[in-house]
PDB file of N, CA and C in Angstrom:
ATOM      1  N   MET A   1       5.345 -16.986  25.619  1.00  0.00           N
ATOM      2  CA  MET A   1       5.069 -18.488  24.813  1.00  0.00           C
ATOM      3  C   MET A   1       4.109 -18.064  23.912  1.00  0.00           C
ATOM      4  N   LEU A   2       4.603 -18.296  23.007  1.00  0.00           N
ATOM      5  CA  LEU A   2       3.415 -18.296  21.462  1.00  0.00           C
ATOM      6  C   LEU A   2       3.413 -19.647  20.687  1.00  0.00           C
ATOM      7  N   ALA A   3       2.190 -19.966  20.562  1.00  0.00           N
ATOM      8  CA  ALA A   3       1.696 -21.190  19.846  1.00  0.00           C
ATOM      9  C   ALA A   3       1.295 -21.128  18.653  1.00  0.00           C
ATOM     10  N   ALA A   4       1.682 -22.553  18.032  1.00  0.00           N
ATOM     11  CA  ALA A   4       0.956 -22.686  16.291  1.00  0.00           C
ATOM     12  C   ALA A   4       0.272 -23.604  16.734  1.00  0.00           C
ATOM     13  N   THR A   5      -0.781 -23.808  15.880  1.00  0.00           N
ATOM     14  CA  THR A   5      -1.788 -24.751  16.215  1.00  0.00           C
ATOM     15  C   THR A   5      -2.383 -25.389  14.721  1.00  0.00           C
ATOM     16  N   CYS A   6      -2.555 -26.765  14.591  1.00  0.00           N
ATOM     17  CA  CYS A   6      -2.607 -27.082  13.817  1.00  0.00           C
ATOM     18  C   CYS A   6      -4.515 -26.904  13.659  1.00  0.00           C
ATOM     19  N   HIS A   7      -5.151 -27.125  12.729  1.00  0.00           N
ATOM     20  CA  HIS A   7      -6.545 -26.576  12.362  1.00  0.00           C
ATOM     21  C   HIS A   7      -7.621 -27.169  13.428  1.00  0.00           C
ATOM     22  N   CYS A   8      -7.378 -28.545  14.035  1.00  0.00           N
ATOM     23  CA  CYS A   8      -8.671 -29.340  14.657  1.00  0.00           C
ATOM     24  C   CYS A   8      -7.943 -28.942  16.207  1.00  0.00           C
ATOM     25  N   GLY A   9      -6.469 -28.484  16.510  1.00  0.00           N
ATOM     26  CA  GLY A   9      -6.286 -28.415  17.674  1.00  0.00           C
ATOM     27  C   GLY A   9      -5.566 -29.388  18.389  1.00  0.00           C
ATOM     28  N   ALA A  10      -5.378 -30.312  17.220  1.00  0.00           N
ATOM     29  CA  ALA A  10      -4.806 -31.723  18.460  1.00  0.00           C
ATOM     30  C   ALA A  10      -3.208 -31.562  18.468  1.00  0.00           C
ATOM     31  N   VAL A  11      -2.403 -30.781  17.604  1.00  0.00           N
ATOM     32  CA  VAL A  11      -1.436 -30.552  17.646  1.00  0.00           C
ATOM     33  C   VAL A  11      -0.843 -28.898  18.205  1.00  0.00           C
ATOM     34  N   ARG A  12      -0.045 -29.003  18.841  1.00  0.00           N
ATOM     35  CA  ARG A  12       0.267 -27.365  19.479  1.00  0.00           C
ATOM     36  C   ARG A  12       1.801 -27.060  19.754  1.00  0.00           C
ATOM     37  N   ILE A  13       2.385 -26.218  18.842  1.00  0.00           N
ATOM     38  CA  ILE A  13       3.629 -26.218  19.019  1.00  0.00           C
ATOM     39  C   ILE A  13       4.079 -24.705  19.675  1.00  0.00           C
ATOM     40  N   GLU A  14       4.755 -24.890  20.586  1.00  0.00           N
ATOM     41  CA  GLU A  14       5.208 -23.611  21.604  1.00  0.00           C
ATOM     42  C   GLU A  14       6.481 -23.079  21.433  1.00  0.00           C
ATOM     43  N   VAL A  15       6.697 -22.159  21.115  1.00  0.00           N
ATOM     44  CA  VAL A  15       8.060 -21.266  21.016  1.00  0.00           C
ATOM     45  C   VAL A  15       8.030 -20.340  21.814  1.00  0.00           C
ATOM     46  N   VAL A  16       9.463 -19.757  22.163  1.00  0.00           N
ATOM     47  CA  VAL A  16       9.570 -18.777  23.004  1.00  0.00           C
ATOM     48  C   VAL A  16       9.369 -17.073  22.466  1.00  0.00           C
ATOM     49  N   ARG A  17       9.703 -16.991  21.298  1.00  0.00           N
ATOM     50  CA  ARG A  17       9.101 -15.476  20.432  1.00  0.00           C
ATOM     51  C   ARG A  17       8.567 -15.897  19.264  1.00  0.00           C
ATOM     52  N   ARG A  18       8.179 -14.525  18.789  1.00  0.00           N
ATOM     53  CA  ARG A  18       7.794 -14.281  17.559  1.00  0.00           C
ATOM     54  C   ARG A  18       8.880 -14.665  16.395  1.00  0.00           C
ATOM     55  N   PRO A  19       8.821 -15.382  15.295  1.00  0.00           N
ATOM     56  CA  PRO A  19       9.543 -15.118  14.228  1.00  0.00           C
ATOM     57  C   PRO A  19       9.968 -13.653  13.948  1.00  0.00           C
ATOM     58  N   ARG A  20      11.465 -13.595  13.579  1.00  0.00           N
ATOM     59  CA  ARG A  20      11.340 -12.103  13.008  1.00  0.00           C
ATOM     60  C   ARG A  20      11.642 -12.811  11.524  1.00  0.00           C
ATOM     61  N   THR A  21      12.097 -13.660  10.938  1.00  0.00           N
ATOM     62  CA  THR A  21      12.391 -14.157   9.273  1.00  0.00           C
ATOM     63  C   THR A  21      11.590 -15.583   9.004  1.00  0.00           C
ATOM     64  N   LEU A  22      10.900 -15.506   7.841  1.00  0.00           N
ATOM     65  CA  LEU A  22      10.169 -16.437   7.809  1.00  0.00           C
ATOM     66  C   LEU A  22      10.853 -17.371   6.148  1.00  0.00           C
ATOM     67  N   THR A  23      11.259 -18.323   5.771  1.00  0.00           N
ATOM     68  CA  THR A  23      11.120 -18.687   4.743  1.00  0.00           C
ATOM     69  C   THR A  23      10.470 -19.625   3.904  1.00  0.00           C
ATOM     70  N   ASP A  24      10.438 -18.864   2.725  1.00  0.00           N
ATOM     71  CA  ASP A  24       9.619 -19.837   1.633  1.00  0.00           C
ATOM     72  C   ASP A  24      10.315 -20.110   0.518  1.00  0.00           C
ATOM     73  N   CYS A  25      10.369 -21.335   0.818  1.00  0.00           N
ATOM     74  CA  CYS A  25      11.394 -22.266   0.109  1.00  0.00           C
ATOM     75  C   CYS A  25      10.372 -23.127  -1.157  1.00  0.00           C
ATOM     76  N   ASN A  26      11.073 -23.122  -2.228  1.00  0.00           N
ATOM     77  CA  ASN A  26      10.348 -23.887  -3.514  1.00  0.00           C
ATOM     78  C   ASN A  26      10.872 -24.884  -3.541  1.00  0.00           C
ATOM     79  N   CYS A  27      11.320 -25.533  -3.146  1.00  0.00           N
ATOM     80  CA  CYS A  27      11.845 -27.489  -3.462  1.00  0.00           C
ATOM     81  C   CYS A  27      10.730 -28.105  -3.540  1.00  0.00           C
ATOM     82  N   SER A  28      10.717 -29.201  -3.944  1.00  0.00           N
ATOM     83  CA  SER A  28       9.661 -30.335  -4.079  1.00  0.00           C
ATOM     84  C   SER A  28       8.722 -30.165  -2.988  1.00  0.00           C
ATOM     85  N   ILE A  29       9.193 -30.488  -1.974  1.00  0.00           N
ATOM     86  CA  ILE A  29       8.318 -30.556  -0.872  1.00  0.00           C
ATOM     87  C   ILE A  29       7.219 -29.277  -0.398  1.00  0.00           C
ATOM     88  N   CYS A  30       7.999 -28.338  -0.338  1.00  0.00           N
ATOM     89  CA  CYS A  30       7.666 -27.101   0.475  1.00  0.00           C
ATOM     90  C   CYS A  30       6.885 -26.750  -0.525  1.00  0.00           C
ATOM     91  N   ARG A  31       7.257 -26.379  -1.562  1.00  0.00           N
ATOM     92  CA  ARG A  31       6.014 -25.765  -2.838  1.00  0.00           C
ATOM     93  C   ARG A  31       4.817 -26.521  -2.244  1.00  0.00           C
ATOM     94  N   ARG A  32       5.070 -27.618  -2.401  1.00  0.00           N
ATOM     95  CA  ARG A  32       3.426 -28.787  -2.457  1.00  0.00           C
ATOM     96  C   ARG A  32       2.829 -28.281  -0.950  1.00  0.00           C
ATOM     97  N   TYR A  33       3.773 -28.097  -0.191  1.00  0.00           N
ATOM     98  CA  TYR A  33       3.030 -28.065   1.346  1.00  0.00           C
ATOM     99  C   TYR A  33       2.412 -26.429   1.600  1.00  0.00           C
ATOM    100  N   GLY A  34       3.168 -25.292   0.462  1.00  0.00           N
ATOM    101  CA  GLY A  34       2.486 -24.474   0.684  1.00  0.00           C
ATOM    102  C   GLY A  34       3.319 -23.641   2.188  1.00  0.00           C
ATOM    103  N   SER A  35       4.235 -24.141   2.740  1.00  0.00           N
ATOM    104  CA  SER A  35       4.629 -23.789   4.231  1.00  0.00           C
ATOM    105  C   SER A  35       5.634 -22.406   4.192  1.00  0.00           C
ATOM    106  N   LEU A  36       5.541 -21.580   5.065  1.00  0.00           N
ATOM    107  CA  LEU A  36       6.596 -20.834   5.215  1.00  0.00           C
ATOM    108  C   LEU A  36       7.023 -21.218   6.678  1.00  0.00           C
ATOM    109  N   TRP A  37       8.461 -21.346   6.558  1.00  0.00           N
ATOM    110  CA  TRP A  37       9.261 -21.674   7.903  1.00  0.00           C
ATOM    111  C   TRP A  37       9.792 -20.686   8.626  1.00  0.00           C
ATOM    112  N   ALA A  38       9.681 -20.990   9.940  1.00  0.00           N
ATOM    113  CA  ALA A  38       9.902 -20.078  10.882  1.00  0.00           C
ATOM    114  C   ALA A  38      11.150 -21.118  11.864  1.00  0.00           C
ATOM    115  N   TYR A  39      12.126 -20.538  11.773  1.00  0.00           N
ATOM    116  CA  TYR A  39      13.545 -21.815  12.382  1.00  0.00           C
ATOM    117  C   TYR A  39      13.790 -21.485  13.898  1.00  0.00           C
ATOM    118  N   TYR A  40      13.552 -22.089  14.665  1.00  0.00           N
ATOM    119  CA  TYR A  40      14.292 -22.444  16.235  1.00  0.00           C
ATOM    120  C   TYR A  40      15.341 -23.192  16.531  1.00  0.00           C
ATOM    121  N   ARG A  41      15.863 -22.862  17.472  1.00  0.00           N
ATOM    122  CA  ARG A  41      16.881 -24.142  18.267  1.00  0.00           C
ATOM    123  C   ARG A  41      15.732 -25.146  18.764  1.00  0.00           C
ATOM    124  N   ALA A  42      16.140 -26.553  18.476  1.00  0.00           N
ATOM    125  CA  ALA A  42      15.261 -27.601  18.739  1.00  0.00           C
ATOM    126  C   ALA A  42      15.135 -27.627  20.420  1.00  0.00           C
ATOM    127  N   GLY A  43      16.168 -27.081  21.377  1.00  0.00           N
ATOM    128  CA  GLY A  43      15.494 -27.174  22.814  1.00  0.00           C
ATOM    129  C   GLY A  43      14.678 -25.957  23.066  1.00  0.00           C
ATOM    130  N   SER A  44      14.241 -24.984  22.305  1.00  0.00           N
ATOM    131  CA  SER A  44      13.497 -23.890  22.358  1.00  0.00           C
ATOM    132  C   SER A  44      11.510 -24.326  22.296  1.00  0.00           C
ATOM    133  N   VAL A  45      11.631 -25.422  21.288  1.00  0.00           N
ATOM    134  CA  VAL A  45      10.137 -25.867  20.868  1.00  0.00           C
ATOM    135  C   VAL A  45      10.017 -26.940  21.613  1.00  0.00           C
ATOM    136  N   ARG A  46       8.255 -26.504  21.426  1.00  0.00           N
ATOM    137  CA  ARG A  46       7.741 -27.921  22.653  1.00  0.00           C
ATOM    138  C   ARG A  46       6.733 -27.886  21.899  1.00  0.00           C
ATOM    139  N   VAL A  47       6.674 -29.663  21.428  1.00  0.00           N
ATOM    140  CA  VAL A  47       5.433 -30.131  20.675  1.00  0.00           C
ATOM    141  C   VAL A  47       4.685 -30.435  21.653  1.00  0.00           C
ATOM    142  N   VAL A  48       3.217 -30.111  22.100  1.00  0.00           N
ATOM    143  CA  VAL A  48       2.513 -30.578  22.620  1.00  0.00           C
ATOM    144  C   VAL A  48       0.820 -31.382  21.827  1.00  0.00           C
ATOM    145  N   ALA A  49       1.362 -32.339  21.931  1.00  0.00           N
ATOM    146  CA  ALA A  49      -0.061 -33.658  21.138  1.00  0.00           C
ATOM    147  C   ALA A  49       0.339 -34.899  21.723  1.00  0.00           C
ATOM    148  N   ALA A  50      -0.600 -35.512  21.511  1.00  0.00           N
ATOM    149  CA  ALA A  50      -1.124 -37.361  21.958  1.00  0.00           C
ATOM    150  C   ALA A  50      -0.228 -38.042  21.566  1.00  0.00           C
ATOM    151  N   SER A  51       0.458 -38.929  21.861  1.00  0.00           N
ATOM    152  CA  SER A  51       1.663 -39.428  21.253  1.00  0.00           C
ATOM    153  C   SER A  51       1.127 -40.198  19.697  1.00  0.00           C
ATOM    154  N   ASP A  52      -0.379 -40.277  19.559  1.00  0.00           N
ATOM    155  CA  ASP A  52      -0.342 -40.941  17.858  1.00  0.00           C
ATOM    156  C   ASP A  52      -1.384 -39.653  17.280  1.00  0.00           C
ATOM    157  N   ALA A  53      -0.841 -38.448  17.898  1.00  0.00           N
ATOM    158  CA  ALA A  53      -1.750 -37.016  16.922  1.00  0.00           C
ATOM    159  C   ALA A  53      -0.404 -36.770  15.774  1.00  0.00           C
ATOM    160  N   LEU A  54       0.345 -37.569  15.705  1.00  0.00           N
ATOM    161  CA  LEU A  54       1.560 -36.902  14.444  1.00  0.00           C
ATOM    162  C   LEU A  54       1.845 -38.268  13.691  1.00  0.00           C
ATOM    163  N   ALA A  55       1.586 -37.798  12.083  1.00  0.00           N
ATOM    164  CA  ALA A  55       2.386 -38.658  11.534  1.00  0.00           C
ATOM    165  C   ALA A  55       3.841 -38.279  10.910  1.00  0.00           C
ATOM    166  N   ALA A  56       4.733 -39.042  10.742  1.00  0.00           N
ATOM    167  CA  ALA A  56       6.112 -38.142   9.814  1.00  0.00           C
ATOM    168  C   ALA A  56       6.078 -39.061   8.483  1.00  0.00           C
ATOM    169  N   TYR A  57       7.030 -37.610   7.715  1.00  0.00           N
ATOM    170  CA  TYR A  57       7.297 -38.356   6.745  1.00  0.00           C
ATOM    171  C   TYR A  57       8.587 -37.670   6.242  1.00  0.00           C
ATOM    172  N   ALA A  58       9.511 -38.765   5.783  1.00  0.00           N
ATOM    173  CA  ALA A  58      10.662 -38.749   5.259  1.00  0.00           C
ATOM    174  C   ALA A  58      11.191 -39.083   3.954  1.00  0.00           C
ATOM    175  N   TRP A  59      12.035 -38.573   2.913  1.00  0.00           N
ATOM    176  CA  TRP A  59      12.233 -39.317   1.271  1.00  0.00           C
ATOM    177  C   TRP A  59      14.034 -39.199   1.189  1.00  0.00           C
ATOM    178  N   GLY A  60      14.357 -39.911   0.200  1.00  0.00           N
ATOM    179  CA  GLY A  60      15.376 -39.729  -0.077  1.00  0.00           C
ATOM    180  C   GLY A  60      16.345 -40.071   0.849  1.00  0.00           C
ATOM    181  N   GLY A  61      17.299 -39.314   1.365  1.00  0.00           N
ATOM    182  CA  GLY A  61      18.664 -39.567   2.224  1.00  0.00           C
ATOM    183  C   GLY A  61      17.853 -39.448   4.027  1.00  0.00           C
ATOM    184  N   ARG A  62      16.656 -39.451   3.746  1.00  0.00           N
ATOM    185  CA  ARG A  62      15.792 -39.220   5.184  1.00  0.00           C
ATOM    186  C   ARG A  62      16.714 -38.526   6.633  1.00  0.00           C
ATOM    187  N   ARG A  63      17.200 -37.233   5.691  1.00  0.00           N
ATOM    188  CA  ARG A  63      17.751 -36.332   6.689  1.00  0.00           C
ATOM    189  C   ARG A  63      16.254 -35.579   7.416  1.00  0.00           C
ATOM    190  N   LEU A  64      15.484 -35.295   6.837  1.00  0.00           N
ATOM    191  CA  LEU A  64      14.915 -34.393   7.486  1.00  0.00           C
ATOM    192  C   LEU A  64      12.901 -35.061   7.736  1.00  0.00           C
ATOM    193  N   GLU A  65      12.410 -34.922   9.035  1.00  0.00           N
ATOM    194  CA  GLU A  65      10.900 -35.188   8.788  1.00  0.00           C
ATOM    195  C   GLU A  65      10.352 -34.677   8.966  1.00  0.00           C
ATOM    196  N   PHE A  66       8.957 -34.265   8.285  1.00  0.00           N
ATOM    197  CA  PHE A  66       7.929 -33.700   8.027  1.00  0.00           C
ATOM    198  C   PHE A  66       7.080 -34.035   8.989  1.00  0.00           C
ATOM    199  N   PHE A  67       6.386 -33.252   9.869  1.00  0.00           N
ATOM    200  CA  PHE A  67       5.523 -33.933  10.966  1.00  0.00           C
ATOM    201  C   PHE A  67       3.800 -32.927  10.388  1.00  0.00           C
ATOM    202  N   ARG A  68       2.895 -33.875   9.914  1.00  0.00           N
ATOM    203  CA  ARG A  68       1.600 -33.346  10.174  1.00  0.00           C
ATOM    204  C   ARG A  68       0.625 -34.015  11.255  1.00  0.00           C
ATOM    205  N   CYS A  69      -0.314 -33.539  11.157  1.00  0.00           N
ATOM    206  CA  CYS A  69      -1.586 -33.859  12.457  1.00  0.00           C
ATOM    207  C   CYS A  69      -1.864 -35.306  11.365  1.00  0.00           C
ATOM    208  N   ARG A  70      -2.352 -35.992  12.465  1.00  0.00           N
ATOM    209  CA  ARG A  70      -3.285 -37.134  11.510  1.00  0.00           C
ATOM    210  C   ARG A  70      -4.847 -37.300  11.672  1.00  0.00           C
ATOM    211  N   ARG A  71      -4.933 -36.041  12.214  1.00  0.00           N
ATOM    212  CA  ARG A  71      -6.490 -35.614  11.941  1.00  0.00           C
ATOM    213  C   ARG A  71      -6.740 -34.911  10.870  1.00  0.00           C
ATOM    214  N   CYS A  72      -6.149 -33.276  11.033  1.00  0.00           N
ATOM    215  CA  CYS A  72      -6.657 -32.905  10.054  1.00  0.00           C
ATOM    216  C   CYS A  72      -5.830 -32.428   8.836  1.00  0.00           C
ATOM    217  N   GLY A  73      -4.709 -33.105   8.901  1.00  0.00           N
ATOM    218  CA  GLY A  73      -3.758 -33.263   7.809  1.00  0.00           C
ATOM    219  C   GLY A  73      -2.616 -32.036   7.767  1.00  0.00           C
ATOM    220  N   CYS A  74      -2.760 -30.887   8.480  1.00  0.00           N
ATOM    221  CA  CYS A  74      -1.737 -29.627   8.591  1.00  0.00           C
ATOM    222  C   CYS A  74      -0.559 -30.454   9.099  1.00  0.00           C
ATOM    223  N   VAL A  75       0.655 -29.544   7.983  1.00  0.00           N
ATOM    224  CA  VAL A  75       1.963 -29.684   8.171  1.00  0.00           C
ATOM    225  C   VAL A  75       2.053 -28.931   9.102  1.00  0.00           C
ATOM    226  N   THR A  76       3.041 -29.357  10.330  1.00  0.00           N
ATOM    227  CA  THR A  76       3.178 -28.367  11.640  1.00  0.00           C
ATOM    228  C   THR A  76       4.614 -28.111  11.788  1.00  0.00           C
ATOM    229  N   HIS A  77       5.510 -29.283  11.162  1.00  0.00           N
ATOM    230  CA  HIS A  77       7.140 -29.024  11.531  1.00  0.00           C
ATOM    231  C   HIS A  77       7.939 -29.846  10.754  1.00  0.00           C
ATOM    232  N   HIS A  78       9.119 -29.538  10.885  1.00  0.00           N
ATOM    233  CA  HIS A  78      10.040 -30.619  10.639  1.00  0.00           C
ATOM    234  C   HIS A  78      11.375 -30.436  10.983  1.00  0.00           C
ATOM    235  N   GLU A  79      12.062 -31.645  11.217  1.00  0.00           N
ATOM    236  CA  GLU A  79      13.157 -31.157  12.136  1.00  0.00           C
ATOM    237  C   GLU A  79      14.579 -32.747  11.681  1.00  0.00           C
ATOM    238  N   ARG A  80      15.188 -32.593  12.086  1.00  0.00           N
ATOM    239  CA  ARG A  80      16.137 -33.395  11.623  1.00  0.00           C
ATOM    240  C   ARG A  80      15.994 -35.062  12.094  1.00  0.00           C
ATOM    241  N   SER A  81      16.390 -35.722  11.339  1.00  0.00           N
ATOM    242  CA  SER A  81      15.671 -37.175  11.877  1.00  0.00           C
ATOM    243  C   SER A  81      17.117 -37.808  12.816  1.00  0.00           C
ATOM    244  N   ARG A  82      18.354 -37.200  12.687  1.00  0.00           N
ATOM    245  CA  ARG A  82      19.184 -37.526  13.539  1.00  0.00           C
ATOM    246  C   ARG A  82      19.569 -35.825  14.544  1.00  0.00           C
ATOM    247  N   LYS A  83      19.073 -35.950  15.365  1.00  0.00           N
ATOM    248  CA  LYS A  83      19.418 -34.853  16.623  1.00  0.00           C
ATOM    249  C   LYS A  83      20.646 -34.744  16.699  1.00  0.00           C
ATOM    250  N   ARG A  84      21.230 -33.376  16.594  1.00  0.00           N
ATOM    251  CA  ARG A  84      22.928 -32.934  16.730  1.00  0.00           C
ATOM    252  C   ARG A  84      22.396 -31.679  17.860  1.00  0.00           C
ATOM    253  N   PRO A  85      23.443 -31.141  18.618  1.00  0.00           N
ATOM    254  CA  PRO A  85      23.447 -30.211  19.221  1.00  0.00           C
ATOM    255  C   PRO A  85      22.993 -29.354  18.908  1.00  0.00           C
ATOM    256  N   ASP A  86      23.206 -28.432  17.615  1.00  0.00           N
ATOM    257  CA  ASP A  86      22.847 -27.370  17.054  1.00  0.00           C
ATOM    258  C   ASP A  86      21.493 -27.257  16.639  1.00  0.00           C
ATOM    259  N   SER A  87      20.785 -28.634  16.267  1.00  0.00           N
ATOM    260  CA  SER A  87      19.728 -29.141  15.529  1.00  0.00           C
ATOM    261  C   SER A  87      18.595 -27.438  15.786  1.00  0.00           C
ATOM    262  N   THR A  88      18.029 -27.358  14.956  1.00  0.00           N
ATOM    263  CA  THR A  88      17.015 -26.462  14.632  1.00  0.00           C
ATOM    264  C   THR A  88      15.898 -27.296  13.962  1.00  0.00           C
ATOM    265  N   VAL A  89      14.531 -26.575  14.485  1.00  0.00           N
ATOM    266  CA  VAL A  89      13.026 -26.949  14.120  1.00  0.00           C
ATOM    267  C   VAL A  89      12.312 -26.110  13.408  1.00  0.00           C
ATOM    268  N   GLY A  90      11.981 -26.625  11.819  1.00  0.00           N
ATOM    269  CA  GLY A  90      11.213 -25.368  11.186  1.00  0.00           C
ATOM    270  C   GLY A  90       9.838 -25.584  11.429  1.00  0.00           C
ATOM    271  N   VAL A  91       9.307 -24.740  12.082  1.00  0.00           N
ATOM    272  CA  VAL A  91       7.729 -24.418  12.395  1.00  0.00           C
ATOM    273  C   VAL A  91       7.304 -24.047  11.397  1.00  0.00           C
ATOM    274  N   ASN A  92       6.058 -24.428  10.812  1.00  0.00           N
ATOM    275  CA  ASN A  92       5.131 -24.319   9.962  1.00  0.00           C
ATOM    276  C   ASN A  92       4.491 -22.826  10.088  1.00  0.00           C
ATOM    277  N   ALA A  93       4.868 -21.484  10.094  1.00  0.00           N
ATOM    278  CA  ALA A  93       4.304 -20.020  10.332  1.00  0.00           C
ATOM    279  C   ALA A  93       3.153 -20.371  10.347  1.00  0.00           C
ATOM    280  N   ARG A  94       2.349 -20.857   9.323  1.00  0.00           N
ATOM    281  CA  ARG A  94       1.253 -20.970   8.672  1.00  0.00           C
ATOM    282  C   ARG A  94       0.231 -20.699   9.832  1.00  0.00           C
ATOM    283  N   ASN A  95       0.612 -21.755  10.780  1.00  0.00           N
ATOM    284  CA  ASN A  95      -0.275 -22.460  11.913  1.00  0.00           C
ATOM    285  C   ASN A  95      -0.466 -21.553  12.978  1.00  0.00           C
ATOM    286  N   PHE A  96       0.712 -20.164  12.867  1.00  0.00           N
ATOM    287  CA  PHE A  96       0.513 -18.891  14.161  1.00  0.00           C
ATOM    288  C   PHE A  96      -0.991 -18.019  13.595  1.00  0.00           C
ATOM    289  N   PRO A  97      -1.316 -17.594  14.370  1.00  0.00           N
ATOM    290  CA  PRO A  97      -2.237 -16.491  14.105  1.00  0.00           C
ATOM    291  C   PRO A  97      -1.684 -15.283  13.400  1.00  0.00           C
ATOM    292  N   PRO A  98      -2.118 -14.687  11.971  1.00  0.00           N
ATOM    293  CA  PRO A  98      -2.012 -14.092  11.442  1.00  0.00           C
ATOM    294  C   PRO A  98      -1.207 -13.126  11.894  1.00  0.00           C
ATOM    295  N   GLU A  99      -1.657 -12.078  12.541  1.00  0.00           N
ATOM    296  CA  GLU A  99      -1.178 -11.037  13.368  1.00  0.00           C
ATOM    297  C   GLU A  99       0.611 -11.590  13.749  1.00  0.00           C
ATOM    298  N   VAL A 100       0.855 -12.682  14.199  1.00  0.00           N
ATOM    299  CA  VAL A 100       1.986 -12.994  14.403  1.00  0.00           C
ATOM    300  C   VAL A 100       2.991 -12.710  13.519  1.00  0.00           C
ATOM    301  N   LEU A 101       2.692 -12.938  12.308  1.00  0.00           N
ATOM    302  CA  LEU A 101       3.498 -12.800  11.239  1.00  0.00           C
ATOM    303  C   LEU A 101       3.715 -11.472  10.470  1.00  0.00           C
ATOM    304  N   ALA A 102       2.685 -10.378  10.802  1.00  0.00           N
ATOM    305  CA  ALA A 102       2.708  -9.169  10.158  1.00  0.00           C
ATOM    306  C   ALA A 102       4.010  -8.740   9.832  1.00  0.00           C
ATOM    307  N   ARG A 103       5.121  -8.705  10.467  1.00  0.00           N
ATOM    308  CA  ARG A 103       6.453  -8.193  10.672  1.00  0.00           C
ATOM    309  C   ARG A 103       7.585  -8.400  10.457  1.00  0.00           C
ATOM    310  N   ALA A 104       7.278  -9.860  10.031  1.00  0.00           N
ATOM    311  CA  ALA A 104       8.516 -10.925  10.019  1.00  0.00           C
ATOM    312  C   ALA A 104       8.911 -10.741   8.595  1.00  0.00           C
ATOM    313  N   ARG A 105       9.924 -10.824   8.124  1.00  0.00           N
ATOM    314  CA  ARG A 105      10.450 -10.810   6.912  1.00  0.00           C
ATOM    315  C   ARG A 105      10.371 -11.913   6.435  1.00  0.00           C
ATOM    316  N   ILE A 106       9.632 -12.071   4.962  1.00  0.00           N
ATOM    317  CA  ILE A 106      10.122 -13.171   4.397  1.00  0.00           C
ATOM    318  C   ILE A 106      10.869 -12.931   2.966  1.00  0.00           C
ATOM    319  N   ARG A 107      11.617 -14.532   3.215  1.00  0.00           N
ATOM    320  CA  ARG A 107      12.935 -14.734   2.173  1.00  0.00           C
ATOM    321  C   ARG A 107      12.606 -15.975   1.721  1.00  0.00           C
ATOM    322  N   ARG A 108      12.938 -15.876   0.476  1.00  0.00           N
ATOM    323  CA  ARG A 108      13.022 -16.762  -0.612  1.00  0.00           C
ATOM    324  C   ARG A 108      13.872 -17.537  -0.628  1.00  0.00           C
ATOM    325  N   LEU A 109      13.822 -18.877  -0.797  1.00  0.00           N
ATOM    326  CA  LEU A 109      15.021 -19.736  -0.729  1.00  0.00           C
ATOM    327  C   LEU A 109      14.732 -20.687  -1.954  1.00  0.00           C
ATOM    328  N   ASP A 110      15.609 -20.573  -2.924  1.00  0.00           N
ATOM    329  CA  ASP A 110      15.818 -21.796  -4.200  1.00  0.00           C
ATOM    330  C   ASP A 110      16.651 -23.126  -3.627  1.00  0.00           C
ATOM    331  N   GLY A 111      15.527 -23.689  -2.569  1.00  0.00           N
ATOM    332  CA  GLY A 111      15.809 -25.165  -2.529  1.00  0.00           C
ATOM    333  C   GLY A 111      15.393 -26.172  -3.703  1.00  0.00           C
ATOM    334  N   ALA A 112      15.127 -25.498  -4.790  1.00  0.00           N
ATOM    335  CA  ALA A 112      14.991 -26.450  -5.848  1.00  0.00           C
ATOM    336  C   ALA A 112      16.029 -26.309  -6.702  1.00  0.00           C
ATOM    337  N   SER A 113      16.891 -25.487  -6.357  1.00  0.00           N
ATOM    338  CA  SER A 113      17.941 -25.609  -7.247  1.00  0.00           C
ATOM    339  C   SER A 113      19.464 -25.341  -6.674  1.00  0.00           C
ATOM    340  N   SER A 114      19.424 -23.892  -6.428  1.00  0.00           N
ATOM    341  CA  SER A 114      20.879 -23.616  -5.683  1.00  0.00           C
ATOM    342  C   SER A 114      20.971 -23.586  -4.020  1.00  0.00           C
ATOM    343  N   TRP A 115      20.129 -23.576  -3.484  1.00  0.00           N
ATOM    344  CA  TRP A 115      20.095 -23.761  -1.839  1.00  0.00           C
ATOM    345  C   TRP A 115      20.667 -22.233  -1.581  1.00  0.00           C
ATOM    346  N   LYS A 116      20.652 -21.137  -2.543  1.00  0.00           N
ATOM    347  CA  LYS A 116      20.650 -19.889  -1.720  1.00  0.00           C
ATOM    348  C   LYS A 116      19.131 -19.023  -2.024  1.00  0.00           C
ATOM    349  N   TYR A 117      19.375 -17.887  -0.964  1.00  0.00           N
ATOM    350  CA  TYR A 117      18.500 -17.061  -1.001  1.00  0.00           C
ATOM    351  C   TYR A 117      18.061 -16.214  -2.551  1.00  0.00           C
ATOM    352  N   LEU A 118      17.139 -15.816  -2.537  1.00  0.00           N
ATOM    353  CA  LEU A 118      16.899 -15.053  -3.816  1.00  0.00           C
ATOM    354  C   LEU A 118      16.702 -13.704  -3.435  1.00  0.00           C
ATOM    355  N   ASP A 119      16.760 -13.249  -2.482  1.00  0.00           N
ATOM    356  CA  ASP A 119      16.767 -11.626  -2.383  1.00  0.00           C
ATOM    357  C   ASP A 119      17.518 -11.352  -1.691  1.00  0.00           C
TER     358      ASP A 119
END
């Protein structure tokens, strides 16, 4: 089990393996968050936090909810508002220890325009 934590430790996200690929998206919210996303099947992600530790944000079509720690403000993950059997969770990989990311490939996604990978 591998864990990503917010700065204060109030939110912990456990995943089953190191991320092999990370996504650096330039959409309006991801570029502001400065996040690197690691994607996992929803059933393999465990969010450990008190019931009041997380705040959610969604906009536009409200298809995705972005979560942050209420105490320190770190963006921790995002998931679909309406769960599906094939749903994934985007875990903000910046919350993993740096050595976990050392071998991961970083792909640049043009989420601002074409929704295509630029590499």
